[in-house]
Amino acid sequence: MDFLSFYQTKPNIYGVETSSIVNVPASAIATKNIGALDKFNHFMGSGTFKNIGSLAGLGLDVFNAWNGYQMGRKALKEQKAGRESLQAQWAVENKRYEDREAERKQANADIAASASVWERK
């Protein structure tokens, strides 16, 4: 389909020939003095172009929703990995604390035992 056949005229219910793109009289579009830019401007202001824009906006909304869903899943995976790392670190720190506490108690017991020997003499 070439550019000019896209603007074929047809009669509407009132018997006036109109463009197939916009509801203006065909004589306003099909004159020899009108250029391609003017035809493009008529198309830009038409309902067809607005519908195409709405469809593109809907597609963009769907894309953004899917992208948000994927990014949310990725963030959740990273949060789970971070939580597991923190739990492992917590276990290491608890083990260190328990070891130090056991060493401290043993040192206190050794000191108490040596002091009791000193007091006996």
Foldseek 3Di string as FASTA:
>chain_A
DDDVVQQDWDADPVRFIATPFARDGVCVVPDPPDDPVNVVVVNCPTPVVVVVVVVVVVVVVVVVVVVVVVVVVVVVVVVVVVVVVVVVVVVVVVVVVVVVVVVVVVVVVVVVVVVVVVVVD
